[in-house]
Amino acid sequence: MSVISTSSTHNGYWQDLPQGRVFWHPHFLEPSVADKCFEKLEDELNWQQKKIVMFGKEVWQPRLQAWCGEAVYTYSGLTMQPDPWTPTLQVIRQQLNDLLGVNFNSVLANLYRNGKDSMGWHQDNEPELGEQPVIASVSLGATRRFVLRHKQSRDKQEYQLNHGSLLVMAGDLQTYWQHAVPKTQRVDTPRINLTFREIIE
């Protein structure tokens, strides 16, 4: 799928998609910094596997999660009470706030244990995220495929979320696009994904 235009910012760049924007920075964190962040977060966070409601049924999510910050978050029938910010999360959060000019007050962390763990097609469009949410996704560990799909045209845009990369979804993206992290047999090592967001209370 063709991108309308791009503009550079701090070695990353904005992409204007039809009815949405994406900021892509494949080397947001230096490899040594990304290594340390992965090691610390694997130990610091309260990783849990939780159930969500899909098509009226409770199912286990195929990954582990932790919710940190200053606000309660509810999606797919699951309400998450926040754990406190950890020192590692605070450092990354401040870098993102400075780069993007957004006051992120919460983060949803996902731990994909291997390629069998995944994220199905969905939108982050809960009311408490606002009309045009900015969601910043920092990836640590194994590289995983991330796919965007336009709800009407079915056009797709793909990214390889590598160790230390940053992908930001903004504009009307959550209204018109879905996204997913598909299963893969090619990955047998873990990945931590930090999705920073601003909850409007």
N, C-alpha and C. Protein backbone atom coordinates (compact mmCIF):
# COMPACT_ATOMS: atom_id res chain seq x y z
N MET A 1 0.84 -1.18 0.00
CA MET A 1 0.00 0.00 0.00
C MET A 1 0.87 1.23 0.00
N SER A 2 0.54 2.24 -0.78
CA SER A 2 1.36 3.44 -0.88
C SER A 2 1.07 4.39 0.27
N VAL A 3 2.13 5.01 0.77
CA VAL A 3 2.02 6.01 1.80
C VAL A 3 1.94 7.38 1.14
N ILE A 4 1.06 8.26 1.63
CA ILE A 4 0.88 9.56 1.00
C ILE A 4 2.12 10.42 1.12
N SER A 5 2.65 10.57 2.34
CA SER A 5 3.83 11.41 2.52
C SER A 5 4.56 11.03 3.80
N THR A 6 5.81 11.47 3.91
CA THR A 6 6.60 11.21 5.09
C THR A 6 7.32 12.49 5.51
N SER A 7 7.62 12.61 6.80
CA SER A 7 8.41 13.72 7.30
C SER A 7 9.28 13.23 8.45
N SER A 8 10.54 13.64 8.49
CA SER A 8 11.50 13.13 9.46
C SER A 8 11.45 13.89 10.77
N THR A 9 11.67 13.18 11.89
CA THR A 9 11.76 13.77 13.22
C THR A 9 12.70 12.93 14.06
N HIS A 10 13.83 13.50 14.48
CA HIS A 10 14.75 12.81 15.39
C HIS A 10 15.11 11.41 14.89
N ASN A 11 15.45 11.29 13.62
CA ASN A 11 15.85 10.01 13.01
C ASN A 11 14.69 9.03 12.84
N GLY A 12 13.52 9.40 13.26
CA GLY A 12 12.33 8.63 12.95
C GLY A 12 11.53 9.46 11.94
N TYR A 13 10.40 8.95 11.49
CA TYR A 13 9.63 9.72 10.51
C TYR A 13 8.14 9.41 10.62
N TRP A 14 7.35 10.44 10.34
CA TRP A 14 5.90 10.31 10.30
C TRP A 14 5.47 9.83 8.92
N GLN A 15 4.52 8.93 8.89
CA GLN A 15 3.90 8.48 7.65
C GLN A 15 2.42 8.84 7.70
N ASP A 16 1.96 9.54 6.67
CA ASP A 16 0.54 9.86 6.56
C ASP A 16 -0.15 8.78 5.73
N LEU A 17 -0.95 7.97 6.39
CA LEU A 17 -1.73 6.94 5.73
C LEU A 17 -3.12 7.49 5.43
N PRO A 18 -3.89 6.84 4.57
CA PRO A 18 -5.28 7.24 4.40
C PRO A 18 -6.03 7.13 5.73
N GLN A 19 -6.45 8.26 6.28
CA GLN A 19 -7.23 8.30 7.52
C GLN A 19 -6.42 7.80 8.73
N GLY A 20 -5.19 8.26 8.85
CA GLY A 20 -4.38 7.91 10.00
C GLY A 20 -2.93 8.31 9.83
N ARG A 21 -2.20 8.32 10.95
CA ARG A 21 -0.78 8.66 10.92
C ARG A 21 0.01 7.64 11.74
N VAL A 22 1.25 7.39 11.31
CA VAL A 22 2.15 6.47 12.02
C VAL A 22 3.53 7.13 12.09
N PHE A 23 4.15 7.06 13.27
CA PHE A 23 5.53 7.48 13.43
C PHE A 23 6.38 6.23 13.62
N TRP A 24 7.42 6.08 12.81
CA TRP A 24 8.24 4.87 12.84
C TRP A 24 9.69 5.24 13.10
N HIS A 25 10.27 4.65 14.14
CA HIS A 25 11.67 4.87 14.51
C HIS A 25 12.27 3.50 14.83
N PRO A 26 12.98 2.87 13.88
CA PRO A 26 13.49 1.51 14.12
C PRO A 26 14.59 1.41 15.15
N HIS A 27 15.22 2.56 15.53
CA HIS A 27 16.33 2.53 16.48
C HIS A 27 16.12 3.58 17.57
N PHE A 28 14.93 3.59 18.16
CA PHE A 28 14.61 4.56 19.21
C PHE A 28 15.52 4.38 20.43
N LEU A 29 15.77 3.12 20.81
CA LEU A 29 16.68 2.81 21.91
C LEU A 29 17.93 2.13 21.35
N GLU A 30 19.08 2.56 21.83
CA GLU A 30 20.33 1.90 21.44
C GLU A 30 20.29 0.44 21.90
N PRO A 31 20.96 -0.47 21.17
CA PRO A 31 20.90 -1.90 21.53
C PRO A 31 21.27 -2.20 22.98
N SER A 32 22.31 -1.55 23.51
CA SER A 32 22.71 -1.83 24.89
C SER A 32 21.66 -1.35 25.89
N VAL A 33 21.04 -0.20 25.59
CA VAL A 33 19.97 0.32 26.44
C VAL A 33 18.75 -0.58 26.37
N ALA A 34 18.40 -1.01 25.15
CA ALA A 34 17.26 -1.91 24.97
C ALA A 34 17.48 -3.23 25.72
N ASP A 35 18.72 -3.73 25.71
CA ASP A 35 19.04 -4.96 26.44
C ASP A 35 18.77 -4.80 27.94
N LYS A 36 19.24 -3.69 28.49
CA LYS A 36 19.05 -3.44 29.93
C LYS A 36 17.58 -3.27 30.28
N CYS A 37 16.85 -2.55 29.42
CA CYS A 37 15.42 -2.35 29.67
C CYS A 37 14.67 -3.67 29.67
N PHE A 38 15.00 -4.54 28.73
CA PHE A 38 14.33 -5.84 28.66
C PHE A 38 14.58 -6.63 29.95
N GLU A 39 15.84 -6.69 30.38
CA GLU A 39 16.19 -7.46 31.57
C GLU A 39 15.48 -6.92 32.81
N LYS A 40 15.45 -5.60 32.96
CA LYS A 40 14.83 -5.00 34.14
C LYS A 40 13.31 -5.20 34.13
N LEU A 41 12.68 -4.96 32.98
CA LEU A 41 11.21 -5.04 32.92
C LEU A 41 10.72 -6.48 33.07
N GLU A 42 11.51 -7.42 32.61
CA GLU A 42 11.11 -8.83 32.77
C GLU A 42 10.97 -9.16 34.26
N ASP A 43 11.79 -8.52 35.11
CA ASP A 43 11.76 -8.77 36.54
C ASP A 43 10.86 -7.80 37.30
N GLU A 44 10.81 -6.54 36.84
CA GLU A 44 10.10 -5.49 37.58
C GLU A 44 8.59 -5.60 37.53
N LEU A 45 8.06 -6.02 36.39
CA LEU A 45 6.62 -5.95 36.18
C LEU A 45 5.89 -7.18 36.71
N ASN A 46 4.64 -6.96 37.11
CA ASN A 46 3.79 -8.01 37.66
C ASN A 46 3.04 -8.69 36.51
N TRP A 47 3.73 -9.59 35.81
CA TRP A 47 3.17 -10.22 34.62
C TRP A 47 2.06 -11.20 34.99
N GLN A 48 0.91 -11.08 34.30
CA GLN A 48 -0.22 -11.98 34.54
C GLN A 48 -0.90 -12.32 33.23
N GLN A 49 -1.48 -13.50 33.19
CA GLN A 49 -2.33 -13.87 32.06
C GLN A 49 -3.78 -13.71 32.50
N LYS A 50 -4.54 -12.92 31.74
CA LYS A 50 -5.91 -12.61 32.14
C LYS A 50 -6.90 -13.03 31.06
N LYS A 51 -8.17 -13.13 31.48
CA LYS A 51 -9.23 -13.45 30.54
C LYS A 51 -9.91 -12.19 30.04
N ILE A 52 -10.33 -12.22 28.77
CA ILE A 52 -11.14 -11.15 28.20
C ILE A 52 -12.40 -11.78 27.60
N VAL A 53 -13.37 -10.92 27.29
CA VAL A 53 -14.62 -11.39 26.68
C VAL A 53 -14.55 -11.19 25.17
N MET A 54 -14.70 -12.28 24.42
CA MET A 54 -14.73 -12.22 22.96
C MET A 54 -15.96 -12.96 22.46
N PHE A 55 -16.78 -12.25 21.70
CA PHE A 55 -18.01 -12.83 21.16
C PHE A 55 -18.86 -13.48 22.26
N GLY A 56 -18.89 -12.81 23.42
CA GLY A 56 -19.72 -13.25 24.52
C GLY A 56 -19.13 -14.35 25.37
N LYS A 57 -17.89 -14.76 25.09
CA LYS A 57 -17.25 -15.82 25.87
C LYS A 57 -15.95 -15.33 26.49
N GLU A 58 -15.64 -15.86 27.68
CA GLU A 58 -14.36 -15.54 28.32
C GLU A 58 -13.27 -16.44 27.75
N VAL A 59 -12.17 -15.82 27.35
CA VAL A 59 -11.04 -16.59 26.82
C VAL A 59 -9.74 -16.05 27.42
N TRP A 60 -8.74 -16.93 27.56
CA TRP A 60 -7.44 -16.50 28.04
C TRP A 60 -6.71 -15.73 26.94
N GLN A 61 -6.11 -14.63 27.29
CA GLN A 61 -5.32 -13.89 26.31
C GLN A 61 -4.02 -14.67 26.02
N PRO A 62 -3.61 -14.74 24.75
CA PRO A 62 -2.41 -15.51 24.39
C PRO A 62 -1.13 -14.70 24.58
N ARG A 63 -0.93 -14.18 25.79
CA ARG A 63 0.26 -13.41 26.15
C ARG A 63 0.10 -13.02 27.62
N LEU A 64 1.16 -12.53 28.22
CA LEU A 64 1.10 -12.00 29.59
C LEU A 64 1.05 -10.48 29.54
N GLN A 65 0.45 -9.87 30.58
CA GLN A 65 0.29 -8.42 30.59
C GLN A 65 0.58 -7.82 31.95
N ALA A 66 0.88 -6.52 31.93
CA ALA A 66 0.99 -5.72 33.14
C ALA A 66 0.49 -4.32 32.80
N TRP A 67 -0.19 -3.68 33.74
CA TRP A 67 -0.74 -2.33 33.53
C TRP A 67 -0.17 -1.41 34.60
N CYS A 68 0.49 -0.33 34.19
CA CYS A 68 1.14 0.57 35.13
C CYS A 68 0.77 2.02 34.82
N GLY A 69 0.83 2.86 35.85
CA GLY A 69 0.57 4.27 35.61
C GLY A 69 -0.36 4.88 36.63
N GLU A 70 -1.26 5.74 36.14
CA GLU A 70 -2.06 6.58 37.03
C GLU A 70 -3.56 6.45 36.82
N ALA A 71 -4.00 5.50 35.99
CA ALA A 71 -5.42 5.41 35.68
C ALA A 71 -5.87 3.97 35.53
N VAL A 72 -7.16 3.74 35.77
CA VAL A 72 -7.79 2.45 35.54
C VAL A 72 -8.10 2.33 34.05
N TYR A 73 -8.00 1.11 33.51
CA TYR A 73 -8.25 0.90 32.07
C TYR A 73 -9.16 -0.30 31.89
N THR A 74 -10.19 -0.15 31.06
CA THR A 74 -11.14 -1.23 30.80
C THR A 74 -11.23 -1.50 29.30
N TYR A 75 -11.10 -2.76 28.92
CA TYR A 75 -11.31 -3.16 27.52
C TYR A 75 -11.73 -4.62 27.49
N SER A 76 -12.59 -4.96 26.53
CA SER A 76 -13.05 -6.34 26.32
C SER A 76 -13.49 -7.02 27.61
N GLY A 77 -14.20 -6.25 28.46
CA GLY A 77 -14.72 -6.81 29.69
C GLY A 77 -13.70 -6.97 30.80
N LEU A 78 -12.48 -6.49 30.59
CA LEU A 78 -11.42 -6.60 31.59
C LEU A 78 -11.08 -5.21 32.13
N THR A 79 -11.14 -5.05 33.46
CA THR A 79 -10.77 -3.80 34.11
C THR A 79 -9.43 -4.00 34.82
N MET A 80 -8.47 -3.14 34.49
CA MET A 80 -7.12 -3.27 35.02
C MET A 80 -6.80 -2.11 35.96
N GLN A 81 -6.46 -2.45 37.20
CA GLN A 81 -6.02 -1.46 38.18
C GLN A 81 -4.51 -1.26 38.01
N PRO A 82 -4.05 -0.02 38.04
CA PRO A 82 -2.64 0.23 37.71
C PRO A 82 -1.67 -0.12 38.84
N ASP A 83 -0.55 -0.73 38.46
CA ASP A 83 0.60 -0.82 39.34
C ASP A 83 1.39 0.47 39.21
N PRO A 84 2.25 0.80 40.19
CA PRO A 84 3.03 2.03 40.10
C PRO A 84 4.03 1.98 38.95
N TRP A 85 4.41 3.17 38.48
CA TRP A 85 5.50 3.27 37.50
C TRP A 85 6.76 2.66 38.09
N THR A 86 7.51 1.93 37.30
CA THR A 86 8.83 1.46 37.72
C THR A 86 9.86 2.47 37.21
N PRO A 87 11.08 2.48 37.78
CA PRO A 87 12.10 3.42 37.31
C PRO A 87 12.39 3.29 35.81
N THR A 88 12.42 2.06 35.30
CA THR A 88 12.68 1.84 33.87
C THR A 88 11.58 2.43 33.01
N LEU A 89 10.33 2.19 33.40
CA LEU A 89 9.20 2.74 32.64
C LEU A 89 9.21 4.27 32.68
N GLN A 90 9.58 4.85 33.81
CA GLN A 90 9.60 6.30 33.94
C GLN A 90 10.59 6.93 32.96
N VAL A 91 11.76 6.31 32.83
CA VAL A 91 12.78 6.85 31.91
C VAL A 91 12.29 6.82 30.47
N ILE A 92 11.72 5.68 30.05
CA ILE A 92 11.21 5.56 28.68
C ILE A 92 10.05 6.52 28.46
N ARG A 93 9.17 6.61 29.44
CA ARG A 93 8.02 7.51 29.35
C ARG A 93 8.47 8.96 29.14
N GLN A 94 9.47 9.40 29.89
CA GLN A 94 9.94 10.78 29.75
C GLN A 94 10.53 11.04 28.37
N GLN A 95 11.26 10.07 27.83
CA GLN A 95 11.81 10.21 26.49
C GLN A 95 10.69 10.37 25.46
N LEU A 96 9.63 9.58 25.62
CA LEU A 96 8.50 9.65 24.69
C LEU A 96 7.75 10.97 24.83
N ASN A 97 7.54 11.40 26.07
CA ASN A 97 6.85 12.68 26.29
C ASN A 97 7.61 13.82 25.62
N ASP A 98 8.95 13.81 25.76
CA ASP A 98 9.77 14.87 25.17
C ASP A 98 9.74 14.80 23.64
N LEU A 99 9.79 13.59 23.10
CA LEU A 99 9.83 13.42 21.64
C LEU A 99 8.51 13.78 20.98
N LEU A 100 7.40 13.35 21.60
CA LEU A 100 6.09 13.46 20.95
C LEU A 100 5.22 14.58 21.49
N GLY A 101 5.61 15.18 22.63
CA GLY A 101 4.80 16.25 23.21
C GLY A 101 3.48 15.76 23.76
N VAL A 102 3.46 14.51 24.22
CA VAL A 102 2.24 13.91 24.78
C VAL A 102 2.51 13.53 26.22
N ASN A 103 1.52 13.74 27.09
CA ASN A 103 1.67 13.38 28.50
C ASN A 103 1.11 11.98 28.73
N PHE A 104 1.93 10.97 28.44
CA PHE A 104 1.48 9.59 28.65
C PHE A 104 1.36 9.33 30.15
N ASN A 105 0.16 8.89 30.59
CA ASN A 105 -0.04 8.64 32.02
C ASN A 105 -0.24 7.17 32.36
N SER A 106 -0.12 6.29 31.35
CA SER A 106 -0.31 4.86 31.59
C SER A 106 0.42 4.06 30.52
N VAL A 107 0.69 2.80 30.83
CA VAL A 107 1.31 1.92 29.84
C VAL A 107 0.77 0.51 30.02
N LEU A 108 0.41 -0.11 28.90
CA LEU A 108 0.04 -1.52 28.88
C LEU A 108 1.23 -2.29 28.34
N ALA A 109 1.80 -3.16 29.18
CA ALA A 109 2.96 -3.96 28.78
C ALA A 109 2.49 -5.36 28.41
N ASN A 110 2.98 -5.86 27.30
CA ASN A 110 2.66 -7.21 26.84
C ASN A 110 3.93 -8.03 26.77
N LEU A 111 3.89 -9.25 27.28
CA LEU A 111 5.01 -10.17 27.17
C LEU A 111 4.61 -11.34 26.28
N TYR A 112 5.20 -11.37 25.09
CA TYR A 112 4.98 -12.48 24.16
C TYR A 112 6.09 -13.50 24.43
N ARG A 113 5.72 -14.64 24.99
CA ARG A 113 6.72 -15.61 25.43
C ARG A 113 7.46 -16.26 24.28
N ASN A 114 6.79 -16.40 23.15
CA ASN A 114 7.38 -16.94 21.91
C ASN A 114 6.41 -16.64 20.77
N GLY A 115 6.65 -17.22 19.60
CA GLY A 115 5.82 -16.93 18.44
C GLY A 115 4.39 -17.44 18.54
N LYS A 116 4.12 -18.31 19.51
CA LYS A 116 2.74 -18.80 19.69
C LYS A 116 1.85 -17.74 20.34
N ASP A 117 2.46 -16.83 21.10
CA ASP A 117 1.70 -15.72 21.68
C ASP A 117 1.45 -14.67 20.62
N SER A 118 0.29 -14.03 20.69
CA SER A 118 -0.10 -13.15 19.60
C SER A 118 -1.08 -12.08 20.08
N MET A 119 -1.48 -11.22 19.14
CA MET A 119 -2.51 -10.20 19.36
C MET A 119 -3.42 -10.21 18.14
N GLY A 120 -4.70 -10.47 18.35
CA GLY A 120 -5.64 -10.53 17.24
C GLY A 120 -6.03 -9.15 16.73
N TRP A 121 -6.78 -9.12 15.64
CA TRP A 121 -7.22 -7.86 15.04
C TRP A 121 -8.09 -7.07 16.01
N HIS A 122 -7.75 -5.80 16.20
CA HIS A 122 -8.52 -4.97 17.11
C HIS A 122 -8.19 -3.49 16.87
N GLN A 123 -8.95 -2.63 17.54
CA GLN A 123 -8.71 -1.19 17.57
C GLN A 123 -8.59 -0.76 19.03
N ASP A 124 -7.73 0.19 19.30
CA ASP A 124 -7.65 0.79 20.63
C ASP A 124 -8.53 2.05 20.61
N ASN A 125 -9.82 1.83 20.73
CA ASN A 125 -10.78 2.94 20.56
C ASN A 125 -11.72 3.08 21.76
N GLU A 126 -11.26 2.70 22.94
CA GLU A 126 -12.08 2.87 24.13
C GLU A 126 -12.30 4.36 24.40
N PRO A 127 -13.47 4.74 24.94
CA PRO A 127 -13.79 6.16 25.15
C PRO A 127 -12.75 6.92 25.97
N GLU A 128 -12.15 6.25 26.97
CA GLU A 128 -11.20 6.95 27.83
C GLU A 128 -9.88 7.30 27.13
N LEU A 129 -9.70 6.82 25.89
CA LEU A 129 -8.51 7.18 25.12
C LEU A 129 -8.71 8.44 24.28
N GLY A 130 -9.95 8.93 24.19
CA GLY A 130 -10.22 10.13 23.41
C GLY A 130 -10.49 9.83 21.94
N GLU A 131 -10.78 10.88 21.18
CA GLU A 131 -11.18 10.71 19.79
C GLU A 131 -10.01 10.38 18.87
N GLN A 132 -8.86 10.95 19.12
CA GLN A 132 -7.68 10.70 18.29
C GLN A 132 -6.50 10.32 19.19
N PRO A 133 -6.54 9.12 19.76
CA PRO A 133 -5.50 8.74 20.72
C PRO A 133 -4.13 8.60 20.06
N VAL A 134 -3.11 8.97 20.82
CA VAL A 134 -1.72 8.74 20.43
C VAL A 134 -1.21 7.58 21.27
N ILE A 135 -0.84 6.49 20.63
CA ILE A 135 -0.38 5.30 21.32
C ILE A 135 1.03 4.98 20.84
N ALA A 136 1.98 4.99 21.76
CA ALA A 136 3.39 4.78 21.44
C ALA A 136 3.82 3.38 21.85
N SER A 137 4.28 2.60 20.90
CA SER A 137 4.62 1.20 21.14
C SER A 137 6.14 1.01 21.04
N VAL A 138 6.76 0.67 22.16
CA VAL A 138 8.20 0.39 22.21
C VAL A 138 8.39 -1.12 22.29
N SER A 139 9.25 -1.66 21.41
CA SER A 139 9.46 -3.10 21.35
C SER A 139 10.84 -3.48 21.87
N LEU A 140 10.90 -4.56 22.64
CA LEU A 140 12.15 -5.07 23.20
C LEU A 140 12.18 -6.59 23.01
N GLY A 141 13.33 -7.12 22.62
CA GLY A 141 13.44 -8.56 22.46
C GLY A 141 13.24 -8.99 21.02
N ALA A 142 12.57 -10.13 20.85
CA ALA A 142 12.40 -10.73 19.53
C ALA A 142 11.66 -9.80 18.57
N THR A 143 12.04 -9.81 17.32
CA THR A 143 11.35 -9.05 16.28
C THR A 143 10.04 -9.75 15.93
N ARG A 144 8.96 -8.99 15.91
CA ARG A 144 7.65 -9.53 15.54
C ARG A 144 7.01 -8.68 14.45
N ARG A 145 6.21 -9.34 13.65
CA ARG A 145 5.50 -8.68 12.55
C ARG A 145 4.26 -7.97 13.09
N PHE A 146 4.09 -6.70 12.71
CA PHE A 146 2.95 -5.89 13.13
C PHE A 146 2.22 -5.45 11.87
N VAL A 147 0.91 -5.70 11.82
CA VAL A 147 0.14 -5.45 10.61
C VAL A 147 -1.02 -4.49 10.90
N LEU A 148 -1.14 -3.46 10.07
CA LEU A 148 -2.28 -2.56 10.08
C LEU A 148 -3.19 -2.91 8.90
N ARG A 149 -4.50 -2.87 9.13
CA ARG A 149 -5.46 -3.20 8.06
C ARG A 149 -6.60 -2.18 8.07
N HIS A 150 -6.80 -1.52 6.94
CA HIS A 150 -7.89 -0.54 6.84
C HIS A 150 -9.23 -1.28 6.85
N LYS A 151 -10.17 -0.80 7.65
CA LYS A 151 -11.43 -1.50 7.85
C LYS A 151 -12.28 -1.56 6.58
N GLN A 152 -12.19 -0.54 5.73
CA GLN A 152 -13.03 -0.51 4.54
C GLN A 152 -12.31 -1.01 3.29
N SER A 153 -11.14 -0.46 3.00
CA SER A 153 -10.42 -0.84 1.78
C SER A 153 -9.70 -2.17 1.93
N ARG A 154 -9.42 -2.60 3.18
CA ARG A 154 -8.67 -3.81 3.51
C ARG A 154 -7.19 -3.71 3.11
N ASP A 155 -6.74 -2.52 2.73
CA ASP A 155 -5.32 -2.31 2.47
C ASP A 155 -4.53 -2.56 3.74
N LYS A 156 -3.28 -2.99 3.57
CA LYS A 156 -2.45 -3.31 4.73
C LYS A 156 -1.12 -2.55 4.70
N GLN A 157 -0.60 -2.30 5.89
CA GLN A 157 0.72 -1.71 6.08
C GLN A 157 1.42 -2.55 7.14
N GLU A 158 2.65 -3.00 6.86
CA GLU A 158 3.34 -3.89 7.78
C GLU A 158 4.66 -3.29 8.27
N TYR A 159 5.02 -3.67 9.51
CA TYR A 159 6.29 -3.25 10.10
C TYR A 159 6.90 -4.44 10.82
N GLN A 160 8.22 -4.51 10.80
CA GLN A 160 8.95 -5.49 11.59
C GLN A 160 9.41 -4.79 12.87
N LEU A 161 8.73 -5.07 13.97
CA LEU A 161 9.02 -4.39 15.23
C LEU A 161 10.24 -5.03 15.88
N ASN A 162 11.39 -4.41 15.67
CA ASN A 162 12.66 -4.96 16.14
C ASN A 162 13.02 -4.44 17.53
N HIS A 163 14.07 -4.99 18.08
CA HIS A 163 14.57 -4.67 19.42
C HIS A 163 14.95 -3.19 19.50
N GLY A 164 14.25 -2.43 20.36
CA GLY A 164 14.54 -1.01 20.53
C GLY A 164 13.76 -0.08 19.62
N SER A 165 12.81 -0.62 18.85
CA SER A 165 12.06 0.22 17.90
C SER A 165 10.88 0.91 18.57
N LEU A 166 10.40 1.95 17.90
CA LEU A 166 9.23 2.72 18.35
C LEU A 166 8.27 2.89 17.20
N LEU A 167 7.00 2.54 17.42
CA LEU A 167 5.94 2.79 16.44
C LEU A 167 4.81 3.52 17.17
N VAL A 168 4.40 4.66 16.61
CA VAL A 168 3.35 5.47 17.21
C VAL A 168 2.15 5.51 16.28
N MET A 169 0.98 5.21 16.81
CA MET A 169 -0.27 5.31 16.05
C MET A 169 -0.98 6.59 16.49
N ALA A 170 -1.44 7.39 15.51
CA ALA A 170 -2.02 8.69 15.83
C ALA A 170 -3.07 9.08 14.80
N GLY A 171 -3.61 10.30 14.95
CA GLY A 171 -4.65 10.78 14.04
C GLY A 171 -5.91 9.94 14.17
N ASP A 172 -6.53 9.63 13.04
CA ASP A 172 -7.77 8.84 13.02
C ASP A 172 -7.51 7.34 12.87
N LEU A 173 -6.28 6.92 13.12
CA LEU A 173 -5.92 5.52 12.85
C LEU A 173 -6.82 4.53 13.59
N GLN A 174 -7.14 4.80 14.87
CA GLN A 174 -7.93 3.86 15.66
C GLN A 174 -9.39 3.80 15.22
N THR A 175 -9.82 4.79 14.46
CA THR A 175 -11.19 4.79 13.94
C THR A 175 -11.31 3.97 12.67
N TYR A 176 -10.30 4.06 11.80
CA TYR A 176 -10.41 3.47 10.46
C TYR A 176 -9.53 2.24 10.23
N TRP A 177 -8.62 1.95 11.16
CA TRP A 177 -7.69 0.84 10.98
C TRP A 177 -7.76 -0.12 12.17
N GLN A 178 -7.47 -1.39 11.88
CA GLN A 178 -7.25 -2.40 12.91
C GLN A 178 -5.77 -2.77 12.89
N HIS A 179 -5.28 -3.39 13.98
CA HIS A 179 -3.90 -3.85 13.98
C HIS A 179 -3.80 -5.18 14.71
N ALA A 180 -2.72 -5.91 14.42
CA ALA A 180 -2.53 -7.26 14.97
C ALA A 180 -1.06 -7.62 14.99
N VAL A 181 -0.72 -8.56 15.88
CA VAL A 181 0.60 -9.20 15.91
C VAL A 181 0.35 -10.69 15.69
N PRO A 182 0.52 -11.18 14.46
CA PRO A 182 0.16 -12.57 14.16
C PRO A 182 1.09 -13.60 14.81
N LYS A 183 0.58 -14.82 14.96
CA LYS A 183 1.41 -15.93 15.42
C LYS A 183 2.47 -16.24 14.36
N THR A 184 3.57 -16.84 14.81
CA THR A 184 4.62 -17.26 13.89
C THR A 184 5.38 -18.43 14.48
N GLN A 185 5.81 -19.36 13.63
CA GLN A 185 6.62 -20.50 14.07
C GLN A 185 8.10 -20.17 14.01
N ARG A 186 8.43 -18.98 13.51
CA ARG A 186 9.84 -18.63 13.30
C ARG A 186 10.48 -18.01 14.54
N VAL A 187 9.67 -17.68 15.55
CA VAL A 187 10.18 -17.01 16.74
C VAL A 187 10.02 -17.90 17.97
N ASP A 188 11.11 -18.17 18.68
CA ASP A 188 11.03 -18.98 19.89
C ASP A 188 11.62 -18.27 21.10
N THR A 189 11.80 -16.95 20.99
CA THR A 189 12.32 -16.14 22.10
C THR A 189 11.31 -15.05 22.45
N PRO A 190 11.38 -14.49 23.67
CA PRO A 190 10.34 -13.56 24.13
C PRO A 190 10.50 -12.14 23.58
N ARG A 191 9.39 -11.42 23.63
CA ARG A 191 9.34 -10.00 23.25
C ARG A 191 8.51 -9.26 24.29
N ILE A 192 8.98 -8.10 24.72
CA ILE A 192 8.21 -7.20 25.57
C ILE A 192 7.79 -6.01 24.73
N ASN A 193 6.51 -5.68 24.80
CA ASN A 193 5.95 -4.55 24.06
C ASN A 193 5.32 -3.59 25.07
N LEU A 194 5.75 -2.33 25.03
CA LEU A 194 5.23 -1.30 25.93
C LEU A 194 4.37 -0.34 25.13
N THR A 195 3.07 -0.29 25.41
CA THR A 195 2.17 0.61 24.67
C THR A 195 1.74 1.75 25.60
N PHE A 196 2.43 2.86 25.47
CA PHE A 196 2.14 4.04 26.29
C PHE A 196 0.92 4.76 25.75
N ARG A 197 0.08 5.25 26.64
CA ARG A 197 -1.16 5.93 26.23
C ARG A 197 -1.55 6.95 27.27
N GLU A 198 -2.43 7.87 26.87
CA GLU A 198 -2.96 8.88 27.78
C GLU A 198 -4.43 8.57 28.04
N ILE A 199 -4.74 8.21 29.27
CA ILE A 199 -6.11 7.94 29.66
C ILE A 199 -6.76 9.25 30.11
N ILE A 200 -7.90 9.58 29.51
CA ILE A 200 -8.62 10.81 29.84
C ILE A 200 -9.70 10.49 30.86
N GLU A 201 -9.60 11.09 32.04
CA GLU A 201 -10.56 10.75 33.10
C GLU A 201 -11.54 11.89 33.30
